[in-house]
Amino acid sequence: MLFTRTSFSVSTLVVIIGVALWGLIRYWEIEGGDNGQTNDWIKYLQWSYYKNETFAKMPSLEKEVPFKKATFGMGCFWANDALFGGQPGVLRTRVGYSGGTTLNPVYRNLGDHTEVIEIDFDPSVTTYKDLLKLFWENHEYGLTTFIKRQYMSLILYHDDEQKHIAELEIKIEAGKRNEKLITEIAPAGPFYPAEDYHQKYRLQKHGWIVEELGLTPELLQTSQVAAKLNGYVAGIGNRADLDRDMRSLAIPEKIASYVKIQFLENEGGSLYC
């Protein structure tokens, strides 16, 4: 008999089950599975059964969908990272420096660059005009008064359609406000990601989440999980979307419950630095 009554334990059973599941998952990964649904199921198992200290990894139910980019400068980029990350249709965000000519800018030496946020968004869920609405309504400063180039109001368009929309919308917005807007509209050029500590700044203040999910510096810039959690812990979004995203992204219950508490505590608060 392999196990006696005295030697058998729940932890032993868990190990056996884990090894069996690992073998099954590896088989399907190698064989490619029978369809996309099987691959999603595999990814769910990878998180559901490997969430102990040895096998912990980030939830992996993120789906690759066609996306477009948007790039905005609107003040301190910590606030913008949380603001856009919590919006429906926003897939990923990253903050950095752009709009200038200085090579390899860093936070203490930006040269002629501006703090910006680069957004990957799903155009079937949200539109460029939707993002611009948030842009107009959430400047820290610099929409009508120039402060300094680091924090200037800036739209960097990625195609002619975005250029046309931005040029039209700034006229409409200025008319609503009955004042001149000093937003600069220019073609997107090189984007230099900001230092690691700037990425998902609000989320990184809850370091145990970052550690438990295995959110590396690279994933803080490329993960939908990171973008969403960064918005929700800052109180951005709504409760229905929060609940849906916690389920669809397979966020563990302990983390999901904590994020919901942070959301309720910070909902409606200021994002500004």
C-alpha atoms as a PDB file:
ATOM      1  CA  MET A   1       0.000   0.000   0.000  1.00  0.00           C
ATOM      2  CA  LEU A   2       1.536   3.317  -1.072  1.00  0.00           C
ATOM      3  CA  PHE A   3       0.242   5.385   1.849  1.00  0.00           C
ATOM      4  CA  THR A   4      -0.562   4.292   5.376  1.00  0.00           C
ATOM      5  CA  ARG A   5      -3.317   5.953   7.353  1.00  0.00           C
ATOM      6  CA  THR A   6      -0.725   7.697   9.500  1.00  0.00           C
ATOM      7  CA  SER A   7       1.511   8.935   6.685  1.00  0.00           C
ATOM      8  CA  PHE A   8      -1.195  10.149   4.337  1.00  0.00           C
ATOM      9  CA  SER A   9      -2.018  13.857   4.556  1.00  0.00           C
ATOM     10  CA  VAL A  10      -3.969  16.477   2.713  1.00  0.00           C
ATOM     11  CA  SER A  11      -0.763  18.158   1.608  1.00  0.00           C
ATOM     12  CA  THR A  12       0.427  14.901   0.047  1.00  0.00           C
ATOM     13  CA  LEU A  13      -2.820  14.612  -1.873  1.00  0.00           C
ATOM     14  CA  VAL A  14      -2.441  18.191  -3.081  1.00  0.00           C
ATOM     15  CA  VAL A  15       1.052  17.420  -4.363  1.00  0.00           C
ATOM     16  CA  ILE A  16      -0.216  14.351  -6.242  1.00  0.00           C
ATOM     17  CA  ILE A  17      -3.064  16.279  -7.790  1.00  0.00           C
ATOM     18  CA  GLY A  18      -0.727  19.155  -8.655  1.00  0.00           C
ATOM     19  CA  VAL A  19       1.765  16.876 -10.389  1.00  0.00           C
ATOM     20  CA  ALA A  20      -1.032  15.179 -12.337  1.00  0.00           C
ATOM     21  CA  LEU A  21      -2.453  18.525 -13.446  1.00  0.00           C
ATOM     22  CA  TRP A  22       0.998  19.797 -14.379  1.00  0.00           C
ATOM     23  CA  GLY A  23       1.490  16.759 -16.608  1.00  0.00           C
ATOM     24  CA  LEU A  24      -1.901  17.263 -18.233  1.00  0.00           C
ATOM     25  CA  ILE A  25      -1.275  20.964 -18.798  1.00  0.00           C
ATOM     26  CA  ARG A  26       2.177  20.367 -20.278  1.00  0.00           C
ATOM     27  CA  TYR A  27       0.708  17.752 -22.635  1.00  0.00           C
ATOM     28  CA  TRP A  28      -1.928  20.162 -23.902  1.00  0.00           C
ATOM     29  CA  GLU A  29       0.592  22.988 -24.233  1.00  0.00           C
ATOM     30  CA  ILE A  30       2.861  20.801 -26.367  1.00  0.00           C
ATOM     31  CA  GLU A  31       0.029  19.403 -28.457  1.00  0.00           C
ATOM     32  CA  GLY A  32      -1.565  22.823 -28.844  1.00  0.00           C
ATOM     33  CA  GLY A  33      -4.950  21.786 -27.440  1.00  0.00           C
ATOM     34  CA  ASP A  34      -8.039  21.229 -29.503  1.00  0.00           C
ATOM     35  CA  ASN A  35      -9.215  24.845 -29.663  1.00  0.00           C
ATOM     36  CA  GLY A  36      -8.997  28.280 -28.061  1.00  0.00           C
ATOM     37  CA  GLN A  37     -11.399  27.337 -25.280  1.00  0.00           C
ATOM     38  CA  THR A  38      -9.113  24.503 -24.189  1.00  0.00           C
ATOM     39  CA  ASN A  39      -6.160  26.869 -24.067  1.00  0.00           C
ATOM     40  CA  ASP A  40      -8.150  29.301 -21.906  1.00  0.00           C
ATOM     41  CA  TRP A  41      -9.055  26.402 -19.609  1.00  0.00           C
ATOM     42  CA  ILE A  42      -5.385  25.463 -19.347  1.00  0.00           C
ATOM     43  CA  LYS A  43      -4.463  29.018 -18.426  1.00  0.00           C
ATOM     44  CA  TYR A  44      -7.117  29.043 -15.728  1.00  0.00           C
ATOM     45  CA  LEU A  45      -5.755  25.788 -14.288  1.00  0.00           C
ATOM     46  CA  GLN A  46      -2.261  27.222 -14.306  1.00  0.00           C
ATOM     47  CA  TRP A  47      -3.388  29.942 -11.925  1.00  0.00           C
ATOM     48  CA  SER A  48      -5.983  27.993  -9.930  1.00  0.00           C
ATOM     49  CA  TYR A  49      -3.686  25.128  -8.966  1.00  0.00           C
ATOM     50  CA  TYR A  50      -0.264  26.773  -8.923  1.00  0.00           C
ATOM     51  CA  LYS A  51      -0.998  29.569  -6.456  1.00  0.00           C
ATOM     52  CA  ASN A  52       1.275  28.297  -3.708  1.00  0.00           C
ATOM     53  CA  GLU A  53       4.649  29.827  -2.873  1.00  0.00           C
ATOM     54  CA  THR A  54       6.527  27.522  -5.233  1.00  0.00           C
ATOM     55  CA  PHE A  55       4.415  27.916  -8.352  1.00  0.00           C
ATOM     56  CA  ALA A  56       2.842  31.373  -7.882  1.00  0.00           C
ATOM     57  CA  LYS A  57       2.439  33.220 -11.168  1.00  0.00           C
ATOM     58  CA  MET A  58       0.388  36.037 -12.604  1.00  0.00           C
ATOM     59  CA  PRO A  59      -3.168  35.253 -13.734  1.00  0.00           C
ATOM     60  CA  SER A  60      -3.033  34.562 -17.468  1.00  0.00           C
ATOM     61  CA  LEU A  61      -6.548  34.891 -18.821  1.00  0.00           C
ATOM     62  CA  GLU A  62      -5.568  38.023 -20.719  1.00  0.00           C
ATOM     63  CA  LYS A  63      -6.604  37.775 -24.354  1.00  0.00           C
ATOM     64  CA  GLU A  64      -4.792  39.271 -27.297  1.00  0.00           C
ATOM     65  CA  VAL A  65      -7.176  41.506 -29.218  1.00  0.00           C
ATOM     66  CA  PRO A  66      -6.570  44.063 -31.967  1.00  0.00           C
ATOM     67  CA  PHE A  67      -5.701  47.380 -30.361  1.00  0.00           C
ATOM     68  CA  LYS A  68      -4.763  50.960 -31.118  1.00  0.00           C
ATOM     69  CA  LYS A  69      -2.467  53.334 -29.257  1.00  0.00           C
ATOM     70  CA  ALA A  70      -3.123  56.738 -27.748  1.00  0.00           C
ATOM     71  CA  THR A  71      -0.527  58.998 -26.137  1.00  0.00           C
ATOM     72  CA  PHE A  72      -1.311  61.966 -23.895  1.00  0.00           C
ATOM     73  CA  GLY A  73       0.533  64.419 -21.683  1.00  0.00           C
ATOM     74  CA  MET A  74      -1.696  65.937 -19.008  1.00  0.00           C
ATOM     75  CA  GLY A  75       0.368  66.522 -15.881  1.00  0.00           C
ATOM     76  CA  CYS A  76       1.777  64.006 -13.417  1.00  0.00           C
ATOM     77  CA  PHE A  77       1.726  60.637 -15.150  1.00  0.00           C
ATOM     78  CA  TRP A  78       1.108  58.645 -11.939  1.00  0.00           C
ATOM     79  CA  ALA A  79      -2.455  59.968 -11.901  1.00  0.00           C
ATOM     80  CA  ASN A  80      -2.990  59.324 -15.603  1.00  0.00           C
ATOM     81  CA  ASP A  81      -1.771  55.744 -15.309  1.00  0.00           C
ATOM     82  CA  ALA A  82      -4.475  54.985 -12.738  1.00  0.00           C
ATOM     83  CA  LEU A  83      -7.153  57.028 -14.505  1.00  0.00           C
ATOM     84  CA  PHE A  84      -6.917  55.243 -17.847  1.00  0.00           C
ATOM     85  CA  GLY A  85      -6.072  51.826 -16.442  1.00  0.00           C
ATOM     86  CA  GLY A  86      -9.479  51.587 -14.780  1.00  0.00           C
ATOM     87  CA  GLN A  87     -11.438  52.402 -17.936  1.00  0.00           C
ATOM     88  CA  PRO A  88     -13.400  49.811 -19.967  1.00  0.00           C
ATOM     89  CA  GLY A  89     -11.637  49.005 -23.223  1.00  0.00           C
ATOM     90  CA  VAL A  90      -8.191  50.035 -21.996  1.00  0.00           C
ATOM     91  CA  LEU A  91      -5.934  47.009 -22.250  1.00  0.00           C
ATOM     92  CA  ARG A  92      -2.527  48.216 -21.115  1.00  0.00           C
ATOM     93  CA  THR A  93      -0.847  51.421 -20.019  1.00  0.00           C
ATOM     94  CA  ARG A  94       2.704  52.582 -19.489  1.00  0.00           C
ATOM     95  CA  VAL A  95       4.175  55.937 -18.554  1.00  0.00           C
ATOM     96  CA  GLY A  96       7.208  57.577 -20.033  1.00  0.00           C
ATOM     97  CA  TYR A  97       8.731  60.528 -21.829  1.00  0.00           C
ATOM     98  CA  SER A  98       7.992  61.718 -25.355  1.00  0.00           C
ATOM     99  CA  GLY A  99       7.339  64.710 -27.562  1.00  0.00           C
ATOM    100  CA  GLY A 100      10.908  66.005 -27.631  1.00  0.00           C
ATOM    101  CA  THR A 101      14.236  65.348 -29.333  1.00  0.00           C
ATOM    102  CA  THR A 102      16.525  64.513 -26.387  1.00  0.00           C
ATOM    103  CA  LEU A 103      17.892  60.979 -26.641  1.00  0.00           C
ATOM    104  CA  ASN A 104      17.322  58.563 -23.758  1.00  0.00           C
ATOM    105  CA  PRO A 105      15.682  60.970 -21.306  1.00  0.00           C
ATOM    106  CA  VAL A 106      15.391  60.070 -17.627  1.00  0.00           C
ATOM    107  CA  TYR A 107      13.258  61.572 -14.884  1.00  0.00           C
ATOM    108  CA  ARG A 108      16.010  63.865 -13.596  1.00  0.00           C
ATOM    109  CA  ASN A 109      17.025  64.887 -17.105  1.00  0.00           C
ATOM    110  CA  LEU A 110      14.006  65.036 -19.433  1.00  0.00           C
ATOM    111  CA  GLY A 111      15.481  67.519 -21.845  1.00  0.00           C
ATOM    112  CA  ASP A 112      12.627  68.775 -24.035  1.00  0.00           C
ATOM    113  CA  HIS A 113      10.329  65.794 -23.392  1.00  0.00           C
ATOM    114  CA  THR A 114       6.993  65.664 -21.556  1.00  0.00           C
ATOM    115  CA  GLU A 115       5.624  63.157 -19.060  1.00  0.00           C
ATOM    116  CA  VAL A 116       3.103  61.100 -21.054  1.00  0.00           C
ATOM    117  CA  ILE A 117       0.986  58.006 -20.817  1.00  0.00           C
ATOM    118  CA  GLU A 118       0.878  55.495 -23.662  1.00  0.00           C
ATOM    119  CA  ILE A 119      -2.383  53.546 -23.843  1.00  0.00           C
ATOM    120  CA  ASP A 120      -3.282  50.348 -25.699  1.00  0.00           C
ATOM    121  CA  PHE A 121      -7.046  50.331 -26.197  1.00  0.00           C
ATOM    122  CA  ASP A 122      -9.617  48.083 -27.831  1.00  0.00           C
ATOM    123  CA  PRO A 123     -11.473  50.260 -30.399  1.00  0.00           C
ATOM    124  CA  SER A 124     -14.426  47.860 -30.354  1.00  0.00           C
ATOM    125  CA  VAL A 125     -15.039  48.761 -26.690  1.00  0.00           C
ATOM    126  CA  THR A 126     -13.904  52.370 -26.348  1.00  0.00           C
ATOM    127  CA  THR A 127     -13.098  55.079 -28.865  1.00  0.00           C
ATOM    128  CA  TYR A 128     -10.391  57.673 -29.255  1.00  0.00           C
ATOM    129  CA  LYS A 129     -13.016  60.341 -28.583  1.00  0.00           C
ATOM    130  CA  ASP A 130     -13.904  58.603 -25.307  1.00  0.00           C
ATOM    131  CA  LEU A 131     -10.264  58.768 -24.262  1.00  0.00           C
ATOM    132  CA  LEU A 132     -10.039  62.421 -25.289  1.00  0.00           C
ATOM    133  CA  LYS A 133     -13.039  63.203 -23.080  1.00  0.00           C
ATOM    134  CA  LEU A 134     -11.062  61.901 -20.108  1.00  0.00           C
ATOM    135  CA  PHE A 135      -8.056  63.861 -21.342  1.00  0.00           C
ATOM    136  CA  TRP A 136      -9.936  67.174 -21.349  1.00  0.00           C
ATOM    137  CA  GLU A 137     -11.620  66.597 -18.000  1.00  0.00           C
ATOM    138  CA  ASN A 138      -8.654  65.401 -15.952  1.00  0.00           C
ATOM    139  CA  HIS A 139      -5.711  67.726 -16.425  1.00  0.00           C
ATOM    140  CA  GLU A 140      -3.727  68.420 -13.296  1.00  0.00           C
ATOM    141  CA  TYR A 141      -2.676  71.756 -14.781  1.00  0.00           C
ATOM    142  CA  GLY A 142      -1.476  73.120 -18.075  1.00  0.00           C
ATOM    143  CA  LEU A 143      -4.693  73.025 -20.142  1.00  0.00           C
ATOM    144  CA  THR A 144      -4.983  76.804 -20.272  1.00  0.00           C
ATOM    145  CA  THR A 145      -1.802  77.993 -18.567  1.00  0.00           C
ATOM    146  CA  PHE A 146       1.689  76.825 -19.445  1.00  0.00           C
ATOM    147  CA  ILE A 147       3.591  75.530 -16.394  1.00  0.00           C
ATOM    148  CA  LYS A 148       6.635  73.824 -17.860  1.00  0.00           C
ATOM    149  CA  ARG A 149       7.207  71.409 -20.680  1.00  0.00           C
ATOM    150  CA  GLN A 150       7.470  68.411 -18.352  1.00  0.00           C
ATOM    151  CA  TYR A 151       3.780  68.777 -17.461  1.00  0.00           C
ATOM    152  CA  MET A 152       2.401  70.430 -20.588  1.00  0.00           C
ATOM    153  CA  SER A 153      -0.884  69.493 -22.241  1.00  0.00           C
ATOM    154  CA  LEU A 154       0.043  67.284 -25.177  1.00  0.00           C
ATOM    155  CA  ILE A 155      -1.688  64.998 -27.665  1.00  0.00           C
ATOM    156  CA  LEU A 156       0.586  62.775 -29.739  1.00  0.00           C
ATOM    157  CA  TYR A 157      -1.438  61.249 -32.559  1.00  0.00           C
ATOM    158  CA  HIS A 158      -0.636  57.871 -34.121  1.00  0.00           C
ATOM    159  CA  ASP A 159      -2.471  58.227 -37.443  1.00  0.00           C
ATOM    160  CA  ASP A 160      -4.332  60.766 -39.565  1.00  0.00           C
ATOM    161  CA  GLU A 161      -7.669  59.815 -38.048  1.00  0.00           C
ATOM    162  CA  GLN A 162      -6.461  60.636 -34.549  1.00  0.00           C
ATOM    163  CA  LYS A 163      -4.993  63.911 -35.809  1.00  0.00           C
ATOM    164  CA  HIS A 164      -8.308  64.890 -37.390  1.00  0.00           C
ATOM    165  CA  ILE A 165     -10.310  63.979 -34.275  1.00  0.00           C
ATOM    166  CA  ALA A 166      -7.918  65.829 -31.945  1.00  0.00           C
ATOM    167  CA  GLU A 167      -7.931  69.003 -34.069  1.00  0.00           C
ATOM    168  CA  LEU A 168     -11.727  68.991 -34.187  1.00  0.00           C
ATOM    169  CA  GLU A 169     -12.212  68.160 -30.512  1.00  0.00           C
ATOM    170  CA  ILE A 170      -9.912  70.915 -29.246  1.00  0.00           C
ATOM    171  CA  LYS A 171     -12.054  73.483 -31.062  1.00  0.00           C
ATOM    172  CA  ILE A 172     -15.232  72.013 -29.589  1.00  0.00           C
ATOM    173  CA  GLU A 173     -13.734  71.910 -26.098  1.00  0.00           C
ATOM    174  CA  ALA A 174     -12.431  75.465 -26.312  1.00  0.00           C
ATOM    175  CA  GLY A 175     -15.887  76.589 -27.385  1.00  0.00           C
ATOM    176  CA  LYS A 176     -17.490  74.851 -24.389  1.00  0.00           C
ATOM    177  CA  ARG A 177     -15.050  76.526 -22.011  1.00  0.00           C
ATOM    178  CA  ASN A 178     -15.019  79.852 -23.847  1.00  0.00           C
ATOM    179  CA  GLU A 179     -11.254  80.053 -23.447  1.00  0.00           C
ATOM    180  CA  LYS A 180      -8.142  79.252 -25.432  1.00  0.00           C
ATOM    181  CA  LEU A 181      -6.597  75.848 -24.804  1.00  0.00           C
ATOM    182  CA  ILE A 182      -2.833  75.578 -25.131  1.00  0.00           C
ATOM    183  CA  THR A 183      -2.760  71.838 -25.832  1.00  0.00           C
ATOM    184  CA  GLU A 184      -0.088  70.935 -28.360  1.00  0.00           C
ATOM    185  CA  ILE A 185      -1.051  68.389 -31.032  1.00  0.00           C
ATOM    186  CA  ALA A 186       1.845  66.626 -32.732  1.00  0.00           C
ATOM    187  CA  PRO A 187       2.728  63.293 -34.371  1.00  0.00           C
ATOM    188  CA  ALA A 188       3.850  60.536 -32.031  1.00  0.00           C
ATOM    189  CA  GLY A 189       7.578  59.964 -32.060  1.00  0.00           C
ATOM    190  CA  PRO A 190       9.912  57.829 -29.932  1.00  0.00           C
ATOM    191  CA  PHE A 191       8.476  56.827 -26.558  1.00  0.00           C
ATOM    192  CA  TYR A 192      10.908  56.265 -23.699  1.00  0.00           C
ATOM    193  CA  PRO A 193       9.440  54.235 -20.818  1.00  0.00           C
ATOM    194  CA  ALA A 194       9.899  55.858 -17.432  1.00  0.00           C
ATOM    195  CA  GLU A 195      11.895  54.203 -14.668  1.00  0.00           C
ATOM    196  CA  ASP A 196      10.386  51.088 -13.074  1.00  0.00           C
ATOM    197  CA  TYR A 197       9.250  52.836  -9.900  1.00  0.00           C
ATOM    198  CA  HIS A 198       6.991  55.131 -11.929  1.00  0.00           C
ATOM    199  CA  GLN A 199       5.079  52.287 -13.592  1.00  0.00           C
ATOM    200  CA  LYS A 200       1.743  51.505 -11.889  1.00  0.00           C
ATOM    201  CA  TYR A 201       2.792  53.752  -9.013  1.00  0.00           C
ATOM    202  CA  ARG A 202      -0.498  53.386  -7.131  1.00  0.00           C
ATOM    203  CA  LEU A 203      -0.394  49.586  -7.361  1.00  0.00           C
ATOM    204  CA  GLN A 204       3.245  49.416  -6.304  1.00  0.00           C
ATOM    205  CA  LYS A 205       2.282  51.058  -3.010  1.00  0.00           C
ATOM    206  CA  HIS A 206       0.652  47.684  -2.273  1.00  0.00           C
ATOM    207  CA  GLY A 207       3.826  45.743  -2.887  1.00  0.00           C
ATOM    208  CA  TRP A 208       2.544  42.406  -1.604  1.00  0.00           C
ATOM    209  CA  ILE A 209       0.069  42.258  -4.525  1.00  0.00           C
ATOM    210  CA  VAL A 210       2.827  42.919  -7.043  1.00  0.00           C
ATOM    211  CA  GLU A 211       4.980  40.242  -5.423  1.00  0.00           C
ATOM    212  CA  GLU A 212       2.221  37.660  -5.075  1.00  0.00           C
ATOM    213  CA  LEU A 213       1.150  38.004  -8.702  1.00  0.00           C
ATOM    214  CA  GLY A 214       4.716  37.993  -9.976  1.00  0.00           C
ATOM    215  CA  LEU A 215       4.302  41.355 -11.704  1.00  0.00           C
ATOM    216  CA  THR A 216       7.805  41.999 -12.986  1.00  0.00           C
ATOM    217  CA  PRO A 217       8.904  45.476 -14.143  1.00  0.00           C
ATOM    218  CA  GLU A 218       8.158  44.363 -17.712  1.00  0.00           C
ATOM    219  CA  LEU A 219       4.673  43.115 -16.799  1.00  0.00           C
ATOM    220  CA  LEU A 220       3.875  46.364 -15.022  1.00  0.00           C
ATOM    221  CA  GLN A 221       4.034  47.926 -18.490  1.00  0.00           C
ATOM    222  CA  THR A 222       2.538  45.129 -20.593  1.00  0.00           C
ATOM    223  CA  SER A 223      -0.084  43.418 -18.417  1.00  0.00           C
ATOM    224  CA  GLN A 224      -3.798  44.125 -18.426  1.00  0.00           C
ATOM    225  CA  VAL A 225      -3.935  42.780 -14.869  1.00  0.00           C
ATOM    226  CA  ALA A 226      -1.475  45.465 -13.750  1.00  0.00           C
ATOM    227  CA  ALA A 227      -3.365  48.235 -15.572  1.00  0.00           C
ATOM    228  CA  LYS A 228      -6.727  47.269 -14.098  1.00  0.00           C
ATOM    229  CA  LEU A 229      -5.515  46.766 -10.542  1.00  0.00           C
ATOM    230  CA  ASN A 230      -3.620  50.061 -10.648  1.00  0.00           C
ATOM    231  CA  GLY A 231      -6.851  51.850 -11.519  1.00  0.00           C
ATOM    232  CA  TYR A 232      -9.074  50.009  -9.074  1.00  0.00           C
ATOM    233  CA  VAL A 233      -6.872  50.442  -5.987  1.00  0.00           C
ATOM    234  CA  ALA A 234      -6.980  54.189  -6.705  1.00  0.00           C
ATOM    235  CA  GLY A 235     -10.802  54.180  -6.787  1.00  0.00           C
ATOM    236  CA  ILE A 236     -11.208  54.467 -10.569  1.00  0.00           C
ATOM    237  CA  GLY A 237     -14.047  52.770 -12.444  1.00  0.00           C
ATOM    238  CA  ASN A 238     -17.242  51.276 -11.084  1.00  0.00           C
ATOM    239  CA  ARG A 239     -18.119  48.286  -8.942  1.00  0.00           C
ATOM    240  CA  ALA A 240     -19.749  46.277 -11.726  1.00  0.00           C
ATOM    241  CA  ASP A 241     -16.645  46.509 -13.943  1.00  0.00           C
ATOM    242  CA  LEU A 242     -14.413  45.747 -10.972  1.00  0.00           C
ATOM    243  CA  ASP A 243     -16.310  42.540 -10.169  1.00  0.00           C
ATOM    244  CA  ARG A 244     -16.327  41.485 -13.815  1.00  0.00           C
ATOM    245  CA  ASP A 245     -12.591  42.071 -14.239  1.00  0.00           C
ATOM    246  CA  MET A 246     -11.705  40.230 -11.042  1.00  0.00           C
ATOM    247  CA  ARG A 247     -13.512  37.188 -12.436  1.00  0.00           C
ATOM    248  CA  SER A 248     -12.427  37.419 -16.066  1.00  0.00           C
ATOM    249  CA  LEU A 249      -8.763  37.945 -15.148  1.00  0.00           C
ATOM    250  CA  ALA A 250      -8.843  35.169 -12.516  1.00  0.00           C
ATOM    251  CA  ILE A 251      -7.656  37.397  -9.685  1.00  0.00           C
ATOM    252  CA  PRO A 252      -7.332  35.319  -6.475  1.00  0.00           C
ATOM    253  CA  GLU A 253     -10.055  35.986  -3.913  1.00  0.00           C
ATOM    254  CA  LYS A 254      -7.673  37.338  -1.268  1.00  0.00           C
ATOM    255  CA  ILE A 255      -6.354  39.963  -3.666  1.00  0.00           C
ATOM    256  CA  ALA A 256      -9.773  40.704  -5.189  1.00  0.00           C
ATOM    257  CA  SER A 257     -11.269  41.340  -1.738  1.00  0.00           C
ATOM    258  CA  TYR A 258      -8.413  43.644  -0.778  1.00  0.00           C
ATOM    259  CA  VAL A 259      -8.673  45.579  -4.063  1.00  0.00           C
ATOM    260  CA  LYS A 260     -12.411  46.060  -3.518  1.00  0.00           C
ATOM    261  CA  ILE A 261     -11.752  47.554  -0.083  1.00  0.00           C
ATOM    262  CA  GLN A 262      -9.169  49.943  -1.544  1.00  0.00           C
ATOM    263  CA  PHE A 263     -11.570  50.869  -4.331  1.00  0.00           C
ATOM    264  CA  LEU A 264     -14.330  51.781  -1.861  1.00  0.00           C
ATOM    265  CA  GLU A 265     -11.946  53.774   0.324  1.00  0.00           C
ATOM    266  CA  ASN A 266     -10.530  55.798  -2.586  1.00  0.00           C
ATOM    267  CA  GLU A 267     -13.580  56.102  -4.842  1.00  0.00           C
ATOM    268  CA  GLY A 268     -14.164  59.728  -5.741  1.00  0.00           C
ATOM    269  CA  GLY A 269     -10.840  60.882  -4.290  1.00  0.00           C
ATOM    270  CA  SER A 270      -8.128  62.918  -5.964  1.00  0.00           C
ATOM    271  CA  LEU A 271      -5.597  61.219  -8.207  1.00  0.00           C
ATOM    272  CA  TYR A 272      -3.204  64.123  -8.403  1.00  0.00           C
ATOM    273  CA  CYS A 273       0.346  63.804  -7.111  1.00  0.00           C
END
